[in-house]
Amino acid sequence: MDSWKIESNPRKQTVVTWGIIIAGIIFVYGFRNFDGSQLSNSLAGFLMGILLLIIGIPGAFFIGKQTITVDRASARIVIEDKSRIRKKKKIIPFNDIIKISVSQSGSQWNGSVSYFVLLKLISGNQYPLFYPSYYDGRWDKSIIEERCGKIREMVKV
């Protein structure tokens, strides 16, 4: 196998973003008749709706796809981010990578742990793969360990 390509799942990101927008609309509409002279639960609900819309609407423009290609023939990893607004491409040569490991974001205590592959580069910088995009298996450590092993095998680190 000379190259391996894996893509994020923009459908999941789309569903989450539109869920946030719809919840914001429901809150704004449902709590629109608040009494403005004092702080109240209705005002809090209305402001929560505004906050959700402020988060969700810009998020709809940044829905995109991330593609990671590990190319043994050209000895590099190519990370491409494409959204409606921007395109970004990062190329990491194999000889710049000194360590490949599984890392995690979040903690067991708050119940939201996601895993990703972390590349440590010669420069001392670290570069995460499969993070923060919506990849299948993001919350399953064994899937990320399998991906990490596959990348290690191809990069020979």
N, C-alpha and C. Protein backbone atom coordinates (compact mmCIF):
# COMPACT_ATOMS: atom_id res chain seq x y z
N MET A 1 0.85 -1.17 0.00
CA MET A 1 0.00 0.00 0.00
C MET A 1 0.90 1.24 0.00
N ASP A 2 0.79 2.06 -1.05
CA ASP A 2 1.62 3.25 -1.17
C ASP A 2 1.01 4.48 -0.50
N SER A 3 -0.32 4.55 -0.43
CA SER A 3 -0.93 5.68 0.26
C SER A 3 -2.21 5.24 0.96
N TRP A 4 -2.55 6.00 1.97
CA TRP A 4 -3.77 5.74 2.75
C TRP A 4 -4.45 7.07 2.96
N LYS A 5 -5.73 7.13 2.63
CA LYS A 5 -6.49 8.38 2.74
C LYS A 5 -7.69 8.16 3.64
N ILE A 6 -7.92 9.10 4.54
CA ILE A 6 -9.09 9.05 5.40
C ILE A 6 -9.70 10.45 5.47
N GLU A 7 -11.03 10.50 5.43
CA GLU A 7 -11.74 11.79 5.40
C GLU A 7 -12.65 11.92 6.61
N SER A 8 -12.80 13.17 7.05
CA SER A 8 -13.73 13.44 8.15
C SER A 8 -15.16 13.28 7.64
N ASN A 9 -16.10 13.29 8.56
CA ASN A 9 -17.50 13.11 8.23
C ASN A 9 -18.22 14.45 8.39
N PRO A 10 -18.35 15.25 7.31
CA PRO A 10 -18.99 16.55 7.46
C PRO A 10 -20.48 16.47 7.76
N ARG A 11 -21.11 15.32 7.51
CA ARG A 11 -22.53 15.19 7.82
C ARG A 11 -22.78 15.34 9.31
N LYS A 12 -21.92 14.75 10.13
CA LYS A 12 -22.08 14.86 11.58
C LYS A 12 -21.93 16.31 12.02
N GLN A 13 -20.95 17.00 11.46
CA GLN A 13 -20.73 18.40 11.80
C GLN A 13 -21.95 19.23 11.37
N THR A 14 -22.52 18.92 10.22
CA THR A 14 -23.69 19.63 9.73
C THR A 14 -24.88 19.42 10.66
N VAL A 15 -25.10 18.19 11.09
CA VAL A 15 -26.21 17.89 11.99
C VAL A 15 -26.06 18.64 13.31
N VAL A 16 -24.86 18.64 13.88
CA VAL A 16 -24.62 19.35 15.15
C VAL A 16 -24.84 20.85 14.96
N THR A 17 -24.30 21.41 13.89
CA THR A 17 -24.43 22.85 13.65
C THR A 17 -25.89 23.25 13.47
N TRP A 18 -26.61 22.52 12.65
CA TRP A 18 -28.02 22.86 12.46
C TRP A 18 -28.85 22.61 13.71
N GLY A 19 -28.46 21.62 14.51
CA GLY A 19 -29.14 21.40 15.79
C GLY A 19 -28.98 22.60 16.71
N ILE A 20 -27.78 23.18 16.74
CA ILE A 20 -27.52 24.36 17.56
C ILE A 20 -28.35 25.54 17.05
N ILE A 21 -28.40 25.72 15.73
CA ILE A 21 -29.17 26.83 15.16
C ILE A 21 -30.66 26.68 15.46
N ILE A 22 -31.19 25.47 15.28
CA ILE A 22 -32.62 25.23 15.54
C ILE A 22 -32.94 25.44 17.02
N ALA A 23 -32.07 24.95 17.90
CA ALA A 23 -32.29 25.16 19.34
C ALA A 23 -32.27 26.65 19.65
N GLY A 24 -31.37 27.40 19.04
CA GLY A 24 -31.30 28.84 19.25
C GLY A 24 -32.58 29.53 18.81
N ILE A 25 -33.11 29.14 17.66
CA ILE A 25 -34.36 29.73 17.16
C ILE A 25 -35.51 29.41 18.11
N ILE A 26 -35.56 28.18 18.59
CA ILE A 26 -36.63 27.77 19.52
C ILE A 26 -36.55 28.59 20.81
N PHE A 27 -35.35 28.75 21.35
CA PHE A 27 -35.19 29.54 22.57
C PHE A 27 -35.58 31.00 22.35
N VAL A 28 -35.09 31.60 21.27
CA VAL A 28 -35.40 33.01 21.00
C VAL A 28 -36.90 33.20 20.82
N TYR A 29 -37.53 32.33 20.03
CA TYR A 29 -38.96 32.45 19.80
C TYR A 29 -39.76 32.14 21.07
N GLY A 30 -39.37 31.10 21.77
CA GLY A 30 -40.12 30.68 22.96
C GLY A 30 -40.05 31.66 24.11
N PHE A 31 -38.96 32.39 24.21
CA PHE A 31 -38.79 33.32 25.33
C PHE A 31 -38.77 34.78 24.88
N ARG A 32 -39.40 35.07 23.74
CA ARG A 32 -39.37 36.43 23.19
C ARG A 32 -40.19 37.43 23.99
N ASN A 33 -41.12 36.97 24.80
CA ASN A 33 -42.00 37.88 25.54
C ASN A 33 -41.53 38.12 26.97
N PHE A 34 -40.23 38.21 27.17
CA PHE A 34 -39.72 38.43 28.52
C PHE A 34 -39.99 39.87 28.96
N ASP A 35 -40.08 40.05 30.27
CA ASP A 35 -40.26 41.38 30.84
C ASP A 35 -38.88 42.01 30.97
N GLY A 36 -38.62 43.03 30.18
CA GLY A 36 -37.29 43.62 30.10
C GLY A 36 -36.88 44.44 31.31
N SER A 37 -37.79 44.66 32.26
CA SER A 37 -37.46 45.53 33.39
C SER A 37 -36.65 44.82 34.48
N GLN A 38 -36.56 43.52 34.41
CA GLN A 38 -35.82 42.77 35.43
C GLN A 38 -35.22 41.50 34.86
N LEU A 39 -34.26 40.96 35.58
CA LEU A 39 -33.69 39.68 35.17
C LEU A 39 -34.70 38.59 35.47
N SER A 40 -34.92 37.71 34.51
CA SER A 40 -35.90 36.64 34.71
C SER A 40 -35.45 35.40 33.96
N ASN A 41 -36.16 34.32 34.22
CA ASN A 41 -35.86 33.08 33.49
C ASN A 41 -36.15 33.24 32.00
N SER A 42 -37.16 34.02 31.66
CA SER A 42 -37.48 34.25 30.25
C SER A 42 -36.35 35.01 29.56
N LEU A 43 -35.80 36.01 30.23
CA LEU A 43 -34.67 36.75 29.67
C LEU A 43 -33.47 35.81 29.49
N ALA A 44 -33.23 34.94 30.47
CA ALA A 44 -32.12 33.99 30.38
C ALA A 44 -32.32 33.05 29.19
N GLY A 45 -33.54 32.57 29.00
CA GLY A 45 -33.84 31.70 27.86
C GLY A 45 -33.64 32.41 26.54
N PHE A 46 -34.09 33.66 26.46
CA PHE A 46 -33.91 34.45 25.24
C PHE A 46 -32.43 34.66 24.95
N LEU A 47 -31.65 35.02 25.97
CA LEU A 47 -30.22 35.24 25.78
C LEU A 47 -29.49 33.94 25.43
N MET A 48 -29.96 32.82 25.98
CA MET A 48 -29.38 31.53 25.62
C MET A 48 -29.61 31.25 24.13
N GLY A 49 -30.79 31.57 23.64
CA GLY A 49 -31.08 31.41 22.22
C GLY A 49 -30.18 32.27 21.35
N ILE A 50 -29.97 33.51 21.77
CA ILE A 50 -29.08 34.42 21.03
C ILE A 50 -27.66 33.83 21.01
N LEU A 51 -27.19 33.33 22.16
CA LEU A 51 -25.85 32.74 22.24
C LEU A 51 -25.73 31.54 21.31
N LEU A 52 -26.73 30.67 21.29
CA LEU A 52 -26.70 29.51 20.41
C LEU A 52 -26.67 29.94 18.93
N LEU A 53 -27.41 30.98 18.59
CA LEU A 53 -27.38 31.47 17.22
C LEU A 53 -26.02 32.08 16.87
N ILE A 54 -25.41 32.78 17.83
CA ILE A 54 -24.09 33.37 17.60
C ILE A 54 -23.05 32.27 17.37
N ILE A 55 -23.21 31.14 18.03
CA ILE A 55 -22.29 30.01 17.83
C ILE A 55 -22.63 29.25 16.55
N GLY A 56 -23.90 29.00 16.30
CA GLY A 56 -24.32 28.13 15.21
C GLY A 56 -24.22 28.73 13.82
N ILE A 57 -24.61 29.99 13.67
CA ILE A 57 -24.65 30.58 12.32
C ILE A 57 -23.25 30.67 11.70
N PRO A 58 -22.24 31.20 12.39
CA PRO A 58 -20.90 31.18 11.78
C PRO A 58 -20.40 29.74 11.56
N GLY A 59 -20.79 28.83 12.45
CA GLY A 59 -20.38 27.44 12.30
C GLY A 59 -20.88 26.82 11.01
N ALA A 60 -22.04 27.28 10.53
CA ALA A 60 -22.59 26.76 9.28
C ALA A 60 -21.68 27.10 8.10
N PHE A 61 -20.96 28.20 8.19
CA PHE A 61 -20.05 28.58 7.10
C PHE A 61 -18.73 27.83 7.15
N PHE A 62 -18.39 27.29 8.31
CA PHE A 62 -17.12 26.59 8.45
C PHE A 62 -17.25 25.08 8.39
N ILE A 63 -18.44 24.59 8.08
CA ILE A 63 -18.61 23.15 7.89
C ILE A 63 -17.73 22.74 6.72
N GLY A 64 -16.92 21.76 6.94
CA GLY A 64 -16.02 21.37 5.87
C GLY A 64 -15.56 19.94 6.02
N LYS A 65 -14.63 19.60 5.19
CA LYS A 65 -14.09 18.25 5.18
C LYS A 65 -12.58 18.33 5.36
N GLN A 66 -12.08 17.46 6.20
CA GLN A 66 -10.64 17.33 6.36
C GLN A 66 -10.24 15.98 5.78
N THR A 67 -9.20 16.00 4.95
CA THR A 67 -8.68 14.77 4.35
C THR A 67 -7.23 14.63 4.76
N ILE A 68 -6.90 13.46 5.29
CA ILE A 68 -5.52 13.15 5.67
C ILE A 68 -5.04 12.04 4.75
N THR A 69 -3.93 12.30 4.05
CA THR A 69 -3.35 11.30 3.16
C THR A 69 -1.93 11.00 3.63
N VAL A 70 -1.69 9.74 3.94
CA VAL A 70 -0.34 9.29 4.29
C VAL A 70 0.19 8.64 3.02
N ASP A 71 1.17 9.30 2.40
CA ASP A 71 1.67 8.87 1.10
C ASP A 71 3.10 8.35 1.24
N ARG A 72 3.24 7.03 1.20
CA ARG A 72 4.55 6.40 1.36
C ARG A 72 5.46 6.72 0.16
N ALA A 73 4.90 6.78 -1.04
CA ALA A 73 5.70 7.02 -2.24
C ALA A 73 6.40 8.38 -2.20
N SER A 74 5.69 9.41 -1.75
CA SER A 74 6.31 10.74 -1.67
C SER A 74 6.82 11.05 -0.26
N ALA A 75 6.70 10.11 0.65
CA ALA A 75 7.21 10.22 2.03
C ALA A 75 6.70 11.47 2.73
N ARG A 76 5.37 11.61 2.77
CA ARG A 76 4.78 12.77 3.44
C ARG A 76 3.34 12.49 3.86
N ILE A 77 2.91 13.30 4.81
CA ILE A 77 1.50 13.31 5.22
C ILE A 77 0.92 14.64 4.77
N VAL A 78 -0.21 14.57 4.06
CA VAL A 78 -0.87 15.78 3.56
C VAL A 78 -2.20 15.92 4.28
N ILE A 79 -2.41 17.08 4.91
CA ILE A 79 -3.67 17.37 5.59
C ILE A 79 -4.34 18.51 4.84
N GLU A 80 -5.53 18.24 4.30
CA GLU A 80 -6.27 19.26 3.54
C GLU A 80 -7.56 19.57 4.27
N ASP A 81 -7.78 20.86 4.53
CA ASP A 81 -9.02 21.35 5.13
C ASP A 81 -9.75 22.17 4.08
N LYS A 82 -11.00 21.80 3.80
CA LYS A 82 -11.81 22.54 2.83
C LYS A 82 -13.15 22.88 3.47
N SER A 83 -13.51 24.15 3.40
CA SER A 83 -14.83 24.59 3.84
C SER A 83 -15.36 25.57 2.80
N ARG A 84 -16.53 26.14 3.05
CA ARG A 84 -17.10 27.10 2.11
C ARG A 84 -16.25 28.36 2.02
N ILE A 85 -15.55 28.67 3.07
CA ILE A 85 -14.82 29.93 3.15
C ILE A 85 -13.34 29.79 2.85
N ARG A 86 -12.74 28.67 3.23
CA ARG A 86 -11.29 28.58 3.08
C ARG A 86 -10.84 27.19 2.67
N LYS A 87 -9.62 27.17 2.14
CA LYS A 87 -8.91 25.93 1.85
C LYS A 87 -7.54 26.04 2.48
N LYS A 88 -7.12 24.97 3.14
CA LYS A 88 -5.82 24.99 3.79
C LYS A 88 -5.17 23.63 3.55
N LYS A 89 -3.87 23.66 3.28
CA LYS A 89 -3.14 22.42 3.03
C LYS A 89 -1.85 22.44 3.84
N LYS A 90 -1.62 21.37 4.58
CA LYS A 90 -0.40 21.23 5.38
C LYS A 90 0.30 19.95 4.93
N ILE A 91 1.60 20.07 4.66
CA ILE A 91 2.40 18.92 4.24
C ILE A 91 3.46 18.68 5.30
N ILE A 92 3.51 17.45 5.80
CA ILE A 92 4.51 17.07 6.81
C ILE A 92 5.35 15.94 6.23
N PRO A 93 6.61 16.21 5.92
CA PRO A 93 7.49 15.13 5.42
C PRO A 93 7.75 14.10 6.51
N PHE A 94 7.87 12.85 6.11
CA PHE A 94 8.13 11.77 7.07
C PHE A 94 9.37 12.05 7.92
N ASN A 95 10.42 12.62 7.29
CA ASN A 95 11.67 12.83 8.04
C ASN A 95 11.58 13.95 9.07
N ASP A 96 10.47 14.70 9.11
CA ASP A 96 10.24 15.71 10.15
C ASP A 96 9.57 15.11 11.39
N ILE A 97 9.10 13.87 11.30
CA ILE A 97 8.35 13.23 12.40
C ILE A 97 9.29 12.39 13.24
N ILE A 98 9.29 12.65 14.57
CA ILE A 98 10.14 11.84 15.44
C ILE A 98 9.34 10.90 16.34
N LYS A 99 8.04 11.19 16.52
CA LYS A 99 7.23 10.32 17.37
C LYS A 99 5.77 10.43 16.93
N ILE A 100 5.08 9.28 16.98
CA ILE A 100 3.65 9.21 16.67
C ILE A 100 2.97 8.51 17.83
N SER A 101 1.98 9.17 18.43
CA SER A 101 1.33 8.58 19.61
C SER A 101 -0.16 8.91 19.62
N VAL A 102 -0.89 8.22 20.50
CA VAL A 102 -2.30 8.50 20.72
C VAL A 102 -2.39 9.47 21.89
N SER A 103 -3.20 10.49 21.72
CA SER A 103 -3.41 11.47 22.78
C SER A 103 -4.91 11.63 22.99
N GLN A 104 -5.28 12.33 24.04
CA GLN A 104 -6.70 12.50 24.32
C GLN A 104 -7.01 13.94 24.68
N SER A 105 -8.25 14.30 24.44
CA SER A 105 -8.77 15.61 24.80
C SER A 105 -9.93 15.38 25.74
N GLY A 106 -9.99 16.15 26.81
CA GLY A 106 -11.03 15.94 27.81
C GLY A 106 -10.57 14.98 28.88
N SER A 107 -11.46 14.66 29.79
CA SER A 107 -11.10 13.75 30.87
C SER A 107 -12.27 12.82 31.20
N GLN A 108 -11.94 11.74 31.88
CA GLN A 108 -12.96 10.79 32.31
C GLN A 108 -13.94 11.45 33.28
N TRP A 109 -13.47 12.43 34.02
CA TRP A 109 -14.30 13.06 35.07
C TRP A 109 -15.46 13.84 34.48
N ASN A 110 -15.24 14.52 33.35
CA ASN A 110 -16.36 15.27 32.78
C ASN A 110 -17.11 14.46 31.73
N GLY A 111 -16.65 13.25 31.46
CA GLY A 111 -17.39 12.32 30.60
C GLY A 111 -17.26 12.59 29.11
N SER A 112 -16.32 13.42 28.70
CA SER A 112 -16.18 13.75 27.29
C SER A 112 -14.74 13.57 26.85
N VAL A 113 -14.35 12.34 26.58
CA VAL A 113 -12.99 12.05 26.15
C VAL A 113 -13.00 11.72 24.67
N SER A 114 -12.17 12.43 23.91
CA SER A 114 -11.98 12.07 22.51
C SER A 114 -10.49 11.82 22.29
N TYR A 115 -10.19 11.00 21.31
CA TYR A 115 -8.82 10.58 21.07
C TYR A 115 -8.37 11.02 19.69
N PHE A 116 -7.08 11.23 19.53
CA PHE A 116 -6.52 11.62 18.25
C PHE A 116 -5.06 11.18 18.19
N VAL A 117 -4.50 11.18 16.99
CA VAL A 117 -3.10 10.83 16.78
C VAL A 117 -2.29 12.12 16.87
N LEU A 118 -1.20 12.08 17.60
CA LEU A 118 -0.36 13.26 17.78
C LEU A 118 1.02 13.00 17.17
N LEU A 119 1.42 13.87 16.28
CA LEU A 119 2.75 13.78 15.67
C LEU A 119 3.67 14.75 16.39
N LYS A 120 4.81 14.25 16.84
CA LYS A 120 5.83 15.14 17.40
C LYS A 120 6.88 15.34 16.32
N LEU A 121 7.16 16.61 16.04
CA LEU A 121 8.06 16.94 14.94
C LEU A 121 9.45 17.30 15.45
N ILE A 122 10.43 17.23 14.57
CA ILE A 122 11.82 17.56 14.91
C ILE A 122 11.92 18.97 15.49
N SER A 123 11.11 19.88 14.98
CA SER A 123 11.14 21.28 15.44
C SER A 123 10.68 21.44 16.89
N GLY A 124 10.11 20.37 17.47
CA GLY A 124 9.58 20.44 18.82
C GLY A 124 8.08 20.69 18.83
N ASN A 125 7.53 21.08 17.68
CA ASN A 125 6.09 21.29 17.57
C ASN A 125 5.35 19.96 17.57
N GLN A 126 4.09 20.02 17.92
CA GLN A 126 3.23 18.85 17.86
C GLN A 126 2.09 19.15 16.90
N TYR A 127 1.66 18.13 16.15
CA TYR A 127 0.58 18.32 15.20
C TYR A 127 -0.44 17.19 15.38
N PRO A 128 -1.69 17.56 15.72
CA PRO A 128 -2.72 16.53 15.90
C PRO A 128 -3.36 16.10 14.58
N LEU A 129 -3.59 14.81 14.43
CA LEU A 129 -4.34 14.27 13.30
C LEU A 129 -5.67 13.75 13.82
N PHE A 130 -6.71 13.85 13.02
CA PHE A 130 -8.07 13.42 13.37
C PHE A 130 -8.64 14.25 14.51
N TYR A 131 -8.24 15.51 14.59
CA TYR A 131 -8.71 16.39 15.64
C TYR A 131 -8.69 17.80 15.11
N PRO A 132 -9.64 18.64 15.28
CA PRO A 132 -10.90 18.50 15.97
C PRO A 132 -12.05 18.11 15.06
N SER A 133 -11.77 17.70 13.85
CA SER A 133 -12.83 17.37 12.89
C SER A 133 -13.64 16.16 13.33
N TYR A 134 -14.75 15.96 12.65
CA TYR A 134 -15.66 14.88 12.98
C TYR A 134 -15.27 13.61 12.22
N TYR A 135 -14.40 12.83 12.83
CA TYR A 135 -14.00 11.55 12.26
C TYR A 135 -14.76 10.44 12.98
N ASP A 136 -15.15 9.43 12.22
CA ASP A 136 -15.77 8.26 12.85
C ASP A 136 -14.74 7.61 13.76
N GLY A 137 -15.16 7.23 14.95
CA GLY A 137 -14.27 6.57 15.90
C GLY A 137 -13.51 7.51 16.80
N ARG A 138 -13.83 8.76 16.77
CA ARG A 138 -13.11 9.76 17.57
C ARG A 138 -13.17 9.48 19.07
N TRP A 139 -14.24 8.87 19.53
CA TRP A 139 -14.39 8.58 20.96
C TRP A 139 -14.01 7.15 21.31
N ASP A 140 -13.48 6.41 20.36
CA ASP A 140 -13.10 5.02 20.59
C ASP A 140 -11.58 4.90 20.50
N LYS A 141 -10.94 4.69 21.64
CA LYS A 141 -9.48 4.66 21.70
C LYS A 141 -8.89 3.57 20.82
N SER A 142 -9.54 2.41 20.75
CA SER A 142 -8.99 1.31 19.96
C SER A 142 -8.94 1.66 18.47
N ILE A 143 -9.92 2.40 17.97
CA ILE A 143 -9.90 2.80 16.55
C ILE A 143 -8.75 3.77 16.30
N ILE A 144 -8.55 4.71 17.20
CA ILE A 144 -7.46 5.67 17.03
C ILE A 144 -6.11 4.98 17.19
N GLU A 145 -6.01 4.01 18.10
CA GLU A 145 -4.76 3.24 18.24
C GLU A 145 -4.46 2.47 16.96
N GLU A 146 -5.49 1.94 16.32
CA GLU A 146 -5.32 1.23 15.06
C GLU A 146 -4.82 2.18 13.97
N ARG A 147 -5.41 3.38 13.89
CA ARG A 147 -4.96 4.37 12.92
C ARG A 147 -3.52 4.80 13.21
N CYS A 148 -3.20 4.98 14.48
CA CYS A 148 -1.84 5.36 14.88
C CYS A 148 -0.84 4.29 14.44
N GLY A 149 -1.17 3.03 14.66
CA GLY A 149 -0.30 1.93 14.25
C GLY A 149 -0.11 1.88 12.75
N LYS A 150 -1.17 2.15 12.00
CA LYS A 150 -1.09 2.15 10.54
C LYS A 150 -0.16 3.28 10.07
N ILE A 151 -0.28 4.44 10.68
CA ILE A 151 0.58 5.57 10.31
C ILE A 151 2.02 5.26 10.69
N ARG A 152 2.24 4.71 11.88
CA ARG A 152 3.62 4.33 12.31
C ARG A 152 4.25 3.36 11.31
N GLU A 153 3.45 2.39 10.88
CA GLU A 153 3.94 1.39 9.94
C GLU A 153 4.34 2.03 8.60
N MET A 154 3.54 2.98 8.14
CA MET A 154 3.84 3.62 6.86
C MET A 154 5.00 4.61 6.97
N VAL A 155 5.08 5.31 8.11
CA VAL A 155 6.13 6.32 8.29
C VAL A 155 7.45 5.67 8.73
N LYS A 156 7.33 4.52 9.38
CA LYS A 156 8.52 3.79 9.90
C LYS A 156 9.20 4.56 11.03
N VAL A 157 8.38 5.04 11.95
CA VAL A 157 8.94 5.74 13.13
C VAL A 157 8.91 4.80 14.31
